[in-house]
């Protein structure tokens, strides 16, 4: 049947016909509780550090450092939120179509195989 193709090719493939589709892009405005991190203040602690000789164990120096850390909290606020919805609908059935296909480049000019020439 086929003379110039792979031996496992046994016949013609007839794909399903594409159905009419609608691309729906909407923005929904609604209220939501948003957790906002806020710095309430600073906390200062004194830390004492003693350096010793690793071989003899004798103290070399003794210093006091001030360490400042922020005091944070979450504040709950009611805010207006804009939610974007992008979906494709089959017009014959009215159902939402899955659009999880990963776009793949085919051929010789794929972005991961392009070779750039170095300028001299």
PDB file of N, CA and C in Angstrom:
ATOM      1  N   UNK A   1       0.823  -1.190   0.000  1.00  0.00           N
ATOM      2  CA  UNK A   1       0.000   0.000   0.000  1.00  0.00           C
ATOM      3  C   UNK A   1       0.874   1.263   0.000  1.00  0.00           C
ATOM      4  N   UNK A   2       1.783   1.375   0.996  1.00  0.00           N
ATOM      5  CA  UNK A   2       2.712   2.498   1.020  1.00  0.00           C
ATOM      6  C   UNK A   2       4.095   1.987   0.656  1.00  0.00           C
ATOM      7  N   UNK A   3       4.780   2.725  -0.198  1.00  0.00           N
ATOM      8  CA  UNK A   3       6.093   2.259  -0.613  1.00  0.00           C
ATOM      9  C   UNK A   3       7.229   3.124  -0.082  1.00  0.00           C
ATOM     10  N   UNK A   4       6.946   4.382   0.262  1.00  0.00           N
ATOM     11  CA  UNK A   4       8.030   5.269   0.670  1.00  0.00           C
ATOM     12  C   UNK A   4       7.885   5.769   2.115  1.00  0.00           C
ATOM     13  N   UNK A   5       7.230   4.979   2.969  1.00  0.00           N
ATOM     14  CA  UNK A   5       7.051   5.381   4.372  1.00  0.00           C
ATOM     15  C   UNK A   5       7.518   4.248   5.275  1.00  0.00           C
ATOM     16  N   UNK A   6       7.444   4.470   6.577  1.00  0.00           N
ATOM     17  CA  UNK A   6       7.878   3.476   7.554  1.00  0.00           C
ATOM     18  C   UNK A   6       7.036   2.221   7.447  1.00  0.00           C
ATOM     19  N   UNK A   7       7.616   1.049   7.744  1.00  0.00           N
ATOM     20  CA  UNK A   7       6.870  -0.198   7.604  1.00  0.00           C
ATOM     21  C   UNK A   7       5.678  -0.304   8.546  1.00  0.00           C
ATOM     22  N   UNK A   8       5.707   0.427   9.700  1.00  0.00           N
ATOM     23  CA  UNK A   8       4.571   0.316  10.627  1.00  0.00           C
ATOM     24  C   UNK A   8       3.382   1.179  10.220  1.00  0.00           C
ATOM     25  N   UNK A   9       3.511   1.990   9.153  1.00  0.00           N
ATOM     26  CA  UNK A   9       2.385   2.780   8.667  1.00  0.00           C
ATOM     27  C   UNK A   9       1.443   1.856   7.912  1.00  0.00           C
ATOM     28  N   UNK A  10       0.248   1.666   8.448  1.00  0.00           N
ATOM     29  CA  UNK A  10      -0.657   0.681   7.859  1.00  0.00           C
ATOM     30  C   UNK A  10      -1.811   1.292   7.092  1.00  0.00           C
ATOM     31  N   UNK A  11      -2.058   2.564   7.271  1.00  0.00           N
ATOM     32  CA  UNK A  11      -3.190   3.154   6.574  1.00  0.00           C
ATOM     33  C   UNK A  11      -3.254   4.653   6.808  1.00  0.00           C
ATOM     34  N   UNK A  12      -4.338   5.244   6.357  1.00  0.00           N
ATOM     35  CA  UNK A  12      -4.541   6.671   6.515  1.00  0.00           C
ATOM     36  C   UNK A  12      -5.130   6.954   7.893  1.00  0.00           C
ATOM     37  N   UNK A  13      -4.784   8.107   8.437  1.00  0.00           N
ATOM     38  CA  UNK A  13      -5.371   8.561   9.690  1.00  0.00           C
ATOM     39  C   UNK A  13      -6.359   9.657   9.346  1.00  0.00           C
ATOM     40  N   UNK A  14      -7.589   9.506   9.804  1.00  0.00           N
ATOM     41  CA  UNK A  14      -8.584  10.542   9.551  1.00  0.00           C
ATOM     42  C   UNK A  14      -8.905  11.232  10.886  1.00  0.00           C
ATOM     43  N   UNK A  15      -8.377  12.428  11.107  1.00  0.00           N
ATOM     44  CA  UNK A  15      -8.620  13.120  12.371  1.00  0.00           C
ATOM     45  C   UNK A  15     -10.050  13.631  12.458  1.00  0.00           C
ATOM     46  N   UNK A  16     -10.478  13.876  13.695  1.00  0.00           N
ATOM     47  CA  UNK A  16     -11.818  14.432  13.895  1.00  0.00           C
ATOM     48  C   UNK A  16     -11.857  15.857  13.352  1.00  0.00           C
ATOM     49  N   UNK A  17     -13.002  16.243  12.867  1.00  0.00           N
ATOM     50  CA  UNK A  17     -13.160  17.607  12.360  1.00  0.00           C
ATOM     51  C   UNK A  17     -13.199  18.574  13.529  1.00  0.00           C
ATOM     52  N   UNK A  18     -12.609  19.725  13.345  1.00  0.00           N
ATOM     53  CA  UNK A  18     -12.614  20.742  14.393  1.00  0.00           C
ATOM     54  C   UNK A  18     -14.013  21.331  14.520  1.00  0.00           C
ATOM     55  N   UNK A  19     -14.456  21.450  15.749  1.00  0.00           N
ATOM     56  CA  UNK A  19     -15.785  22.021  16.006  1.00  0.00           C
ATOM     57  C   UNK A  19     -15.647  23.527  16.186  1.00  0.00           C
ATOM     58  N   UNK A  20     -16.737  24.265  15.964  1.00  0.00           N
ATOM     59  CA  UNK A  20     -16.662  25.712  16.184  1.00  0.00           C
ATOM     60  C   UNK A  20     -16.461  26.012  17.672  1.00  0.00           C
ATOM     61  N   UNK A  21     -15.548  26.952  17.944  1.00  0.00           N
ATOM     62  CA  UNK A  21     -15.205  27.271  19.322  1.00  0.00           C
ATOM     63  C   UNK A  21     -15.318  28.770  19.544  1.00  0.00           C
ATOM     64  N   UNK A  22     -15.487  29.140  20.808  1.00  0.00           N
ATOM     65  CA  UNK A  22     -15.501  30.550  21.203  1.00  0.00           C
ATOM     66  C   UNK A  22     -14.465  30.747  22.295  1.00  0.00           C
ATOM     67  N   UNK A  23     -13.637  31.759  22.116  1.00  0.00           N
ATOM     68  CA  UNK A  23     -12.638  32.091  23.130  1.00  0.00           C
ATOM     69  C   UNK A  23     -13.237  33.177  24.019  1.00  0.00           C
ATOM     70  N   UNK A  24     -13.462  32.852  25.311  1.00  0.00           N
ATOM     71  CA  UNK A  24     -14.117  33.767  26.243  1.00  0.00           C
ATOM     72  C   UNK A  24     -13.074  34.264  27.240  1.00  0.00           C
ATOM     73  N   UNK A  25     -12.901  35.564  27.281  1.00  0.00           N
ATOM     74  CA  UNK A  25     -11.968  36.186  28.216  1.00  0.00           C
ATOM     75  C   UNK A  25     -12.765  37.151  29.082  1.00  0.00           C
ATOM     76  N   UNK A  26     -12.874  36.863  30.382  1.00  0.00           N
ATOM     77  CA  UNK A  26     -13.694  37.684  31.277  1.00  0.00           C
ATOM     78  C   UNK A  26     -12.873  38.132  32.474  1.00  0.00           C
ATOM     79  N   UNK A  27     -13.319  39.224  33.084  1.00  0.00           N
ATOM     80  CA  UNK A  27     -12.744  39.725  34.332  1.00  0.00           C
ATOM     81  C   UNK A  27     -13.890  39.847  35.326  1.00  0.00           C
ATOM     82  N   UNK A  28     -13.781  39.120  36.449  1.00  0.00           N
ATOM     83  CA  UNK A  28     -14.800  39.161  37.483  1.00  0.00           C
ATOM     84  C   UNK A  28     -14.317  40.057  38.615  1.00  0.00           C
ATOM     85  N   UNK A  29     -15.138  41.042  38.983  1.00  0.00           N
ATOM     86  CA  UNK A  29     -14.828  41.924  40.105  1.00  0.00           C
ATOM     87  C   UNK A  29     -15.628  41.458  41.312  1.00  0.00           C
ATOM     88  N   UNK A  30     -14.948  41.206  42.424  1.00  0.00           N
ATOM     89  CA  UNK A  30     -15.629  40.767  43.636  1.00  0.00           C
ATOM     90  C   UNK A  30     -14.814  41.179  44.848  1.00  0.00           C
ATOM     91  N   UNK A  31     -15.415  41.087  46.016  1.00  0.00           N
ATOM     92  CA  UNK A  31     -14.737  41.407  47.264  1.00  0.00           C
ATOM     93  C   UNK A  31     -14.121  40.140  47.836  1.00  0.00           C
ATOM     94  N   UNK A  32     -12.946  40.282  48.459  1.00  0.00           N
ATOM     95  CA  UNK A  32     -12.261  39.146  49.059  1.00  0.00           C
ATOM     96  C   UNK A  32     -11.460  39.630  50.261  1.00  0.00           C
ATOM     97  N   UNK A  33     -11.201  38.702  51.187  1.00  0.00           N
ATOM     98  CA  UNK A  33     -10.358  39.010  52.332  1.00  0.00           C
ATOM     99  C   UNK A  33      -8.912  38.758  51.917  1.00  0.00           C
ATOM    100  N   UNK A  34      -8.085  39.791  52.021  1.00  0.00           N
ATOM    101  CA  UNK A  34      -6.689  39.716  51.605  1.00  0.00           C
ATOM    102  C   UNK A  34      -5.822  39.831  52.851  1.00  0.00           C
ATOM    103  N   UNK A  35      -4.881  38.892  53.012  1.00  0.00           N
ATOM    104  CA  UNK A  35      -3.948  38.912  54.139  1.00  0.00           C
ATOM    105  C   UNK A  35      -2.742  39.747  53.733  1.00  0.00           C
ATOM    106  N   UNK A  36      -2.526  40.854  54.444  1.00  0.00           N
ATOM    107  CA  UNK A  36      -1.440  41.763  54.119  1.00  0.00           C
ATOM    108  C   UNK A  36      -0.396  41.742  55.235  1.00  0.00           C
ATOM    109  N   UNK A  37       0.865  41.392  54.934  1.00  0.00           N
ATOM    110  CA  UNK A  37       1.896  41.445  55.978  1.00  0.00           C
ATOM    111  C   UNK A  37       2.292  42.891  56.284  1.00  0.00           C
ATOM    112  N   UNK A  38       2.410  43.217  57.588  1.00  0.00           N
ATOM    113  CA  UNK A  38       2.700  44.574  58.020  1.00  0.00           C
ATOM    114  C   UNK A  38       3.789  44.525  59.091  1.00  0.00           C
ATOM    115  N   UNK A  39       4.723  45.477  59.050  1.00  0.00           N
ATOM    116  CA  UNK A  39       5.743  45.605  60.096  1.00  0.00           C
ATOM    117  C   UNK A  39       5.182  46.511  61.184  1.00  0.00           C
ATOM    118  N   UNK A  40       5.049  45.967  62.423  1.00  0.00           N
ATOM    119  CA  UNK A  40       4.484  46.729  63.532  1.00  0.00           C
ATOM    120  C   UNK A  40       5.545  47.503  64.301  1.00  0.00           C
ATOM    121  N   UNK A  41       6.773  47.011  64.276  1.00  0.00           N
ATOM    122  CA  UNK A  41       7.838  47.690  65.002  1.00  0.00           C
ATOM    123  C   UNK A  41       9.117  46.891  64.929  1.00  0.00           C
ATOM    124  N   UNK A  42      10.073  47.270  65.782  1.00  0.00           N
ATOM    125  CA  UNK A  42      11.358  46.589  65.831  1.00  0.00           C
ATOM    126  C   UNK A  42      11.650  46.141  67.258  1.00  0.00           C
ATOM    127  N   UNK A  43      12.308  45.003  67.384  1.00  0.00           N
ATOM    128  CA  UNK A  43      12.695  44.467  68.686  1.00  0.00           C
ATOM    129  C   UNK A  43      14.220  44.406  68.713  1.00  0.00           C
ATOM    130  N   UNK A  44      14.822  44.990  69.757  1.00  0.00           N
ATOM    131  CA  UNK A  44      16.277  45.017  69.879  1.00  0.00           C
ATOM    132  C   UNK A  44      16.687  44.138  71.049  1.00  0.00           C
ATOM    133  N   UNK A  45      17.641  43.238  70.808  1.00  0.00           N
ATOM    134  CA  UNK A  45      18.163  42.350  71.853  1.00  0.00           C
ATOM    135  C   UNK A  45      19.674  42.519  71.918  1.00  0.00           C
ATOM    136  N   UNK A  46      20.228  42.362  73.132  1.00  0.00           N
ATOM    137  CA  UNK A  46      21.675  42.395  73.307  1.00  0.00           C
ATOM    138  C   UNK A  46      22.182  40.964  73.364  1.00  0.00           C
ATOM    139  N   UNK A  47      23.186  40.663  72.562  1.00  0.00           N
ATOM    140  CA  UNK A  47      23.785  39.328  72.539  1.00  0.00           C
ATOM    141  C   UNK A  47      25.254  39.463  72.923  1.00  0.00           C
ATOM    142  N   UNK A  48      25.698  38.595  73.806  1.00  0.00           N
ATOM    143  CA  UNK A  48      27.088  38.586  74.213  1.00  0.00           C
ATOM    144  C   UNK A  48      27.807  37.454  73.495  1.00  0.00           C
ATOM    145  N   UNK A  49      28.978  37.775  72.924  1.00  0.00           N
ATOM    146  CA  UNK A  49      29.751  36.805  72.172  1.00  0.00           C
ATOM    147  C   UNK A  49      31.156  36.775  72.764  1.00  0.00           C
ATOM    148  N   UNK A  50      31.615  35.571  73.107  1.00  0.00           N
ATOM    149  CA  UNK A  50      32.968  35.389  73.616  1.00  0.00           C
ATOM    150  C   UNK A  50      33.733  34.523  72.634  1.00  0.00           C
ATOM    151  N   UNK A  51      34.878  35.037  72.162  1.00  0.00           N
ATOM    152  CA  UNK A  51      35.712  34.273  71.240  1.00  0.00           C
ATOM    153  C   UNK A  51      36.823  33.600  72.047  1.00  0.00           C
ATOM    154  N   UNK A  52      37.041  32.326  71.770  1.00  0.00           N
ATOM    155  CA  UNK A  52      38.078  31.578  72.491  1.00  0.00           C
ATOM    156  C   UNK A  52      39.055  30.975  71.496  1.00  0.00           C
ATOM    157  N   UNK A  53      40.239  30.673  71.997  1.00  0.00           N
ATOM    158  CA  UNK A  53      41.252  30.000  71.202  1.00  0.00           C
ATOM    159  C   UNK A  53      40.835  28.543  71.047  1.00  0.00           C
ATOM    160  N   UNK A  54      40.845  28.025  69.821  1.00  0.00           N
ATOM    161  CA  UNK A  54      40.361  26.664  69.576  1.00  0.00           C
ATOM    162  C   UNK A  54      41.275  25.615  70.188  1.00  0.00           C
ATOM    163  N   UNK A  55      42.558  25.921  70.351  1.00  0.00           N
ATOM    164  CA  UNK A  55      43.497  24.919  70.859  1.00  0.00           C
ATOM    165  C   UNK A  55      43.624  24.964  72.382  1.00  0.00           C
ATOM    166  N   UNK A  56      43.675  26.157  72.932  1.00  0.00           N
ATOM    167  CA  UNK A  56      43.888  26.269  74.382  1.00  0.00           C
ATOM    168  C   UNK A  56      42.612  26.505  75.154  1.00  0.00           C
ATOM    169  N   UNK A  57      41.587  27.060  74.528  1.00  0.00           N
ATOM    170  CA  UNK A  57      40.327  27.339  75.215  1.00  0.00           C
ATOM    171  C   UNK A  57      40.342  28.656  75.962  1.00  0.00           C
ATOM    172  N   UNK A  58      41.395  29.439  75.853  1.00  0.00           N
ATOM    173  CA  UNK A  58      41.485  30.726  76.528  1.00  0.00           C
ATOM    174  C   UNK A  58      40.610  31.752  75.822  1.00  0.00           C
ATOM    175  N   UNK A  59      39.898  32.586  76.561  1.00  0.00           N
ATOM    176  CA  UNK A  59      39.091  33.637  75.917  1.00  0.00           C
ATOM    177  C   UNK A  59      39.982  34.693  75.284  1.00  0.00           C
ATOM    178  N   UNK A  60      39.616  35.080  74.061  1.00  0.00           N
ATOM    179  CA  UNK A  60      40.385  36.087  73.327  1.00  0.00           C
ATOM    180  C   UNK A  60      39.713  37.453  73.462  1.00  0.00           C
ATOM    181  N   UNK A  61      38.388  37.484  73.216  1.00  0.00           N
ATOM    182  CA  UNK A  61      37.657  38.750  73.336  1.00  0.00           C
ATOM    183  C   UNK A  61      36.226  38.470  73.761  1.00  0.00           C
ATOM    184  N   UNK A  62      35.618  39.509  74.330  1.00  0.00           N
ATOM    185  CA  UNK A  62      34.226  39.406  74.772  1.00  0.00           C
ATOM    186  C   UNK A  62      33.518  40.670  74.299  1.00  0.00           C
ATOM    187  N   UNK A  63      32.522  40.507  73.424  1.00  0.00           N
ATOM    188  CA  UNK A  63      31.827  41.659  72.845  1.00  0.00           C
ATOM    189  C   UNK A  63      30.325  41.533  73.070  1.00  0.00           C
ATOM    190  N   UNK A  64      29.646  42.683  73.037  1.00  0.00           N
ATOM    191  CA  UNK A  64      28.190  42.733  73.143  1.00  0.00           C
ATOM    192  C   UNK A  64      27.656  43.378  71.870  1.00  0.00           C
ATOM    193  N   UNK A  65      26.694  42.701  71.226  1.00  0.00           N
ATOM    194  CA  UNK A  65      26.106  43.184  69.982  1.00  0.00           C
ATOM    195  C   UNK A  65      24.619  43.441  70.183  1.00  0.00           C
ATOM    196  N   UNK A  66      24.121  44.463  69.493  1.00  0.00           N
ATOM    197  CA  UNK A  66      22.682  44.717  69.465  1.00  0.00           C
ATOM    198  C   UNK A  66      22.118  44.115  68.183  1.00  0.00           C
ATOM    199  N   UNK A  67      21.134  43.213  68.336  1.00  0.00           N
ATOM    200  CA  UNK A  67      20.499  42.565  67.200  1.00  0.00           C
ATOM    201  C   UNK A  67      19.074  43.094  67.099  1.00  0.00           C
ATOM    202  N   UNK A  68      18.742  43.669  65.939  1.00  0.00           N
ATOM    203  CA  UNK A  68      17.411  44.238  65.729  1.00  0.00           C
ATOM    204  C   UNK A  68      16.635  43.342  64.770  1.00  0.00           C
ATOM    205  N   UNK A  69      15.435  42.911  65.182  1.00  0.00           N
ATOM    206  CA  UNK A  69      14.567  42.080  64.334  1.00  0.00           C
ATOM    207  C   UNK A  69      13.213  42.760  64.207  1.00  0.00           C
ATOM    208  N   UNK A  70      12.583  42.658  63.040  1.00  0.00           N
ATOM    209  CA  UNK A  70      11.269  43.287  62.869  1.00  0.00           C
ATOM    210  C   UNK A  70      10.158  42.459  63.515  1.00  0.00           C
ATOM    211  N   UNK A  71       9.139  43.147  63.990  1.00  0.00           N
ATOM    212  CA  UNK A  71       7.931  42.495  64.504  1.00  0.00           C
ATOM    213  C   UNK A  71       6.884  42.601  63.400  1.00  0.00           C
ATOM    214  N   UNK A  72       6.451  41.464  62.861  1.00  0.00           N
ATOM    215  CA  UNK A  72       5.501  41.463  61.742  1.00  0.00           C
ATOM    216  C   UNK A  72       4.190  40.810  62.154  1.00  0.00           C
ATOM    217  N   UNK A  73       3.147  41.158  61.432  1.00  0.00           N
ATOM    218  CA  UNK A  73       1.822  40.572  61.658  1.00  0.00           C
ATOM    219  C   UNK A  73       1.068  40.564  60.340  1.00  0.00           C
ATOM    220  N   UNK A  74       0.002  39.781  60.279  1.00  0.00           N
ATOM    221  CA  UNK A  74      -0.883  39.742  59.106  1.00  0.00           C
ATOM    222  C   UNK A  74      -2.161  40.497  59.436  1.00  0.00           C
ATOM    223  N   UNK A  75      -2.525  41.436  58.576  1.00  0.00           N
ATOM    224  CA  UNK A  75      -3.763  42.183  58.747  1.00  0.00           C
ATOM    225  C   UNK A  75      -4.731  41.714  57.668  1.00  0.00           C
ATOM    226  N   UNK A  76      -5.946  41.365  58.083  1.00  0.00           N
ATOM    227  CA  UNK A  76      -6.983  40.936  57.137  1.00  0.00           C
ATOM    228  C   UNK A  76      -7.785  42.151  56.696  1.00  0.00           C
ATOM    229  N   UNK A  77      -7.844  42.362  55.387  1.00  0.00           N
ATOM    230  CA  UNK A  77      -8.588  43.492  54.826  1.00  0.00           C
ATOM    231  C   UNK A  77      -9.562  42.989  53.773  1.00  0.00           C
ATOM    232  N   UNK A  78     -10.696  43.637  53.671  1.00  0.00           N
ATOM    233  CA  UNK A  78     -11.648  43.343  52.596  1.00  0.00           C
ATOM    234  C   UNK A  78     -11.328  44.294  51.457  1.00  0.00           C
ATOM    235  N   UNK A  79     -10.962  43.715  50.296  1.00  0.00           N
ATOM    236  CA  UNK A  79     -10.550  44.529  49.152  1.00  0.00           C
ATOM    237  C   UNK A  79     -11.286  44.070  47.892  1.00  0.00           C
ATOM    238  N   UNK A  80     -11.310  44.957  46.889  1.00  0.00           N
ATOM    239  CA  UNK A  80     -11.850  44.593  45.581  1.00  0.00           C
ATOM    240  C   UNK A  80     -10.788  43.806  44.824  1.00  0.00           C
ATOM    241  N   UNK A  81     -11.172  42.648  44.293  1.00  0.00           N
ATOM    242  CA  UNK A  81     -10.246  41.768  43.598  1.00  0.00           C
ATOM    243  C   UNK A  81     -10.759  41.561  42.176  1.00  0.00           C
ATOM    244  N   UNK A  82      -9.827  41.590  41.205  1.00  0.00           N
ATOM    245  CA  UNK A  82     -10.155  41.344  39.797  1.00  0.00           C
ATOM    246  C   UNK A  82      -9.608  39.965  39.435  1.00  0.00           C
ATOM    247  N   UNK A  83     -10.485  39.030  39.086  1.00  0.00           N
ATOM    248  CA  UNK A  83     -10.080  37.677  38.721  1.00  0.00           C
ATOM    249  C   UNK A  83     -10.254  37.498  37.218  1.00  0.00           C
ATOM    250  N   UNK A  84      -9.167  37.120  36.527  1.00  0.00           N
ATOM    251  CA  UNK A  84      -9.194  36.923  35.080  1.00  0.00           C
ATOM    252  C   UNK A  84      -9.528  35.465  34.774  1.00  0.00           C
ATOM    253  N   UNK A  85     -10.486  35.249  33.870  1.00  0.00           N
ATOM    254  CA  UNK A  85     -10.842  33.910  33.410  1.00  0.00           C
ATOM    255  C   UNK A  85     -10.655  33.869  31.895  1.00  0.00           C
ATOM    256  N   UNK A  86      -9.932  32.865  31.423  1.00  0.00           N
ATOM    257  CA  UNK A  86      -9.669  32.692  30.003  1.00  0.00           C
ATOM    258  C   UNK A  86     -10.011  31.249  29.664  1.00  0.00           C
ATOM    259  N   UNK A  87     -11.062  31.048  28.868  1.00  0.00           N
ATOM    260  CA  UNK A  87     -11.490  29.683  28.573  1.00  0.00           C
ATOM    261  C   UNK A  87     -12.001  29.578  27.140  1.00  0.00           C
ATOM    262  N   UNK A  88     -12.004  28.342  26.641  1.00  0.00           N
ATOM    263  CA  UNK A  88     -12.486  28.056  25.299  1.00  0.00           C
ATOM    264  C   UNK A  88     -13.729  27.179  25.428  1.00  0.00           C
ATOM    265  N   UNK A  89     -14.806  27.565  24.742  1.00  0.00           N
ATOM    266  CA  UNK A  89     -16.095  26.878  24.834  1.00  0.00           C
ATOM    267  C   UNK A  89     -16.424  26.261  23.480  1.00  0.00           C
ATOM    268  N   UNK A  90     -16.837  24.996  23.494  1.00  0.00           N
ATOM    269  CA  UNK A  90     -17.306  24.326  22.283  1.00  0.00           C
ATOM    270  C   UNK A  90     -18.732  24.807  22.020  1.00  0.00           C
ATOM    271  N   UNK A  91     -18.971  25.405  20.845  1.00  0.00           N
ATOM    272  CA  UNK A  91     -20.280  25.984  20.561  1.00  0.00           C
ATOM    273  C   UNK A  91     -21.344  24.932  20.253  1.00  0.00           C
ATOM    274  N   UNK A  92     -20.951  23.720  19.862  1.00  0.00           N
ATOM    275  CA  UNK A  92     -21.940  22.679  19.594  1.00  0.00           C
ATOM    276  C   UNK A  92     -22.483  22.071  20.879  1.00  0.00           C
ATOM    277  N   UNK A  93     -21.612  21.841  21.855  1.00  0.00           N
ATOM    278  CA  UNK A  93     -22.047  21.197  23.094  1.00  0.00           C
ATOM    279  C   UNK A  93     -22.221  22.185  24.231  1.00  0.00           C
ATOM    280  N   UNK A  94     -21.587  23.345  24.163  1.00  0.00           N
ATOM    281  CA  UNK A  94     -21.683  24.327  25.236  1.00  0.00           C
ATOM    282  C   UNK A  94     -20.771  24.015  26.411  1.00  0.00           C
ATOM    283  N   UNK A  95     -19.877  23.048  26.255  1.00  0.00           N
ATOM    284  CA  UNK A  95     -18.992  22.664  27.350  1.00  0.00           C
ATOM    285  C   UNK A  95     -17.649  23.369  27.223  1.00  0.00           C
ATOM    286  N   UNK A  96     -16.986  23.525  28.381  1.00  0.00           N
ATOM    287  CA  UNK A  96     -15.667  24.137  28.413  1.00  0.00           C
ATOM    288  C   UNK A  96     -14.645  23.112  27.959  1.00  0.00           C
ATOM    289  N   UNK A  97     -13.733  23.517  27.050  1.00  0.00           N
ATOM    290  CA  UNK A  97     -12.688  22.635  26.567  1.00  0.00           C
ATOM    291  C   UNK A  97     -11.432  22.833  27.400  1.00  0.00           C
ATOM    292  N   UNK A  98     -10.713  21.750  27.643  1.00  0.00           N
ATOM    293  CA  UNK A  98      -9.455  21.836  28.380  1.00  0.00           C
ATOM    294  C   UNK A  98      -8.415  22.496  27.488  1.00  0.00           C
ATOM    295  N   UNK A  99      -7.727  23.476  28.042  1.00  0.00           N
ATOM    296  CA  UNK A  99      -6.701  24.187  27.284  1.00  0.00           C
ATOM    297  C   UNK A  99      -5.358  24.035  27.981  1.00  0.00           C
ATOM    298  N   UNK A 100      -5.001  22.802  28.339  1.00  0.00           N
ATOM    299  CA  UNK A 100      -3.753  22.540  29.041  1.00  0.00           C
ATOM    300  C   UNK A 100      -2.652  22.086  28.097  1.00  0.00           C
ATOM    301  N   UNK A 101      -2.830  22.295  26.798  1.00  0.00           N
ATOM    302  CA  UNK A 101      -1.821  21.858  25.836  1.00  0.00           C
ATOM    303  C   UNK A 101      -0.578  22.735  25.953  1.00  0.00           C
ATOM    304  N   UNK A 102       0.572  22.106  25.919  1.00  0.00           N
ATOM    305  CA  UNK A 102       1.832  22.829  25.928  1.00  0.00           C
ATOM    306  C   UNK A 102       2.212  23.112  24.487  1.00  0.00           C
ATOM    307  N   UNK A 103       2.489  24.368  24.183  1.00  0.00           N
ATOM    308  CA  UNK A 103       2.851  24.735  22.820  1.00  0.00           C
ATOM    309  C   UNK A 103       4.292  24.312  22.558  1.00  0.00           C
ATOM    310  N   UNK A 104       4.496  23.543  21.507  1.00  0.00           N
ATOM    311  CA  UNK A 104       5.813  23.020  21.170  1.00  0.00           C
ATOM    312  C   UNK A 104       6.167  23.500  19.778  1.00  0.00           C
ATOM    313  N   UNK A 105       7.390  23.964  19.624  1.00  0.00           N
ATOM    314  CA  UNK A 105       7.868  24.363  18.311  1.00  0.00           C
ATOM    315  C   UNK A 105       8.408  23.142  17.579  1.00  0.00           C
ATOM    316  N   UNK A 106       8.126  23.034  16.296  1.00  0.00           N
ATOM    317  CA  UNK A 106       8.628  21.935  15.478  1.00  0.00           C
ATOM    318  C   UNK A 106       9.496  22.512  14.371  1.00  0.00           C
ATOM    319  N   UNK A 107      10.442  21.732  13.924  1.00  0.00           N
ATOM    320  CA  UNK A 107      11.257  22.161  12.802  1.00  0.00           C
ATOM    321  C   UNK A 107      12.663  22.534  13.215  1.00  0.00           C
ATOM    322  N   UNK A 108      13.349  23.207  12.319  1.00  0.00           N
ATOM    323  CA  UNK A 108      14.755  23.519  12.536  1.00  0.00           C
ATOM    324  C   UNK A 108      14.968  24.799  13.323  1.00  0.00           C
ATOM    325  N   UNK A 109      13.982  25.668  13.425  1.00  0.00           N
ATOM    326  CA  UNK A 109      14.185  26.945  14.086  1.00  0.00           C
ATOM    327  C   UNK A 109      13.532  26.989  15.459  1.00  0.00           C
ATOM    328  N   UNK A 110      13.679  25.916  16.228  1.00  0.00           N
ATOM    329  CA  UNK A 110      13.177  25.904  17.593  1.00  0.00           C
ATOM    330  C   UNK A 110      14.078  26.779  18.446  1.00  0.00           C
ATOM    331  N   UNK A 111      13.529  27.480  19.450  1.00  0.00           N
ATOM    332  CA  UNK A 111      14.361  28.395  20.245  1.00  0.00           C
ATOM    333  C   UNK A 111      15.493  27.699  20.985  1.00  0.00           C
ATOM    334  N   UNK A 112      15.334  26.433  21.387  1.00  0.00           N
ATOM    335  CA  UNK A 112      16.379  25.762  22.145  1.00  0.00           C
ATOM    336  C   UNK A 112      17.485  25.215  21.260  1.00  0.00           C
ATOM    337  N   UNK A 113      17.302  25.207  19.952  1.00  0.00           N
ATOM    338  CA  UNK A 113      18.332  24.684  19.059  1.00  0.00           C
ATOM    339  C   UNK A 113      18.986  25.751  18.189  1.00  0.00           C
ATOM    340  N   UNK A 114      18.628  27.022  18.393  1.00  0.00           N
ATOM    341  CA  UNK A 114      19.215  28.067  17.576  1.00  0.00           C
ATOM    342  C   UNK A 114      20.674  28.267  17.964  1.00  0.00           C
ATOM    343  N   UNK A 115      21.516  28.372  16.971  1.00  0.00           N
ATOM    344  CA  UNK A 115      22.926  28.581  17.192  1.00  0.00           C
ATOM    345  C   UNK A 115      23.254  30.002  16.767  1.00  0.00           C
ATOM    346  N   UNK A 116      23.813  30.758  17.694  1.00  0.00           N
ATOM    347  CA  UNK A 116      24.164  32.133  17.359  1.00  0.00           C
ATOM    348  C   UNK A 116      25.660  32.193  17.046  1.00  0.00           C
ATOM    349  N   UNK A 117      25.995  32.964  16.029  1.00  0.00           N
ATOM    350  CA  UNK A 117      27.389  33.091  15.632  1.00  0.00           C
ATOM    351  C   UNK A 117      28.049  34.174  16.491  1.00  0.00           C
ATOM    352  N   UNK A 118      29.245  33.870  16.929  1.00  0.00           N
ATOM    353  CA  UNK A 118      29.997  34.821  17.742  1.00  0.00           C
ATOM    354  C   UNK A 118      30.615  35.884  16.833  1.00  0.00           C
ATOM    355  N   UNK A 119      30.509  37.137  17.277  1.00  0.00           N
ATOM    356  CA  UNK A 119      31.108  38.222  16.509  1.00  0.00           C
ATOM    357  C   UNK A 119      32.581  38.326  16.880  1.00  0.00           C
ATOM    358  N   UNK A 120      33.392  38.528  15.869  1.00  0.00           N
ATOM    359  CA  UNK A 120      34.841  38.624  16.105  1.00  0.00           C
ATOM    360  C   UNK A 120      35.272  40.056  16.187  1.00  0.00           C
TER     361      UNK A 120
END
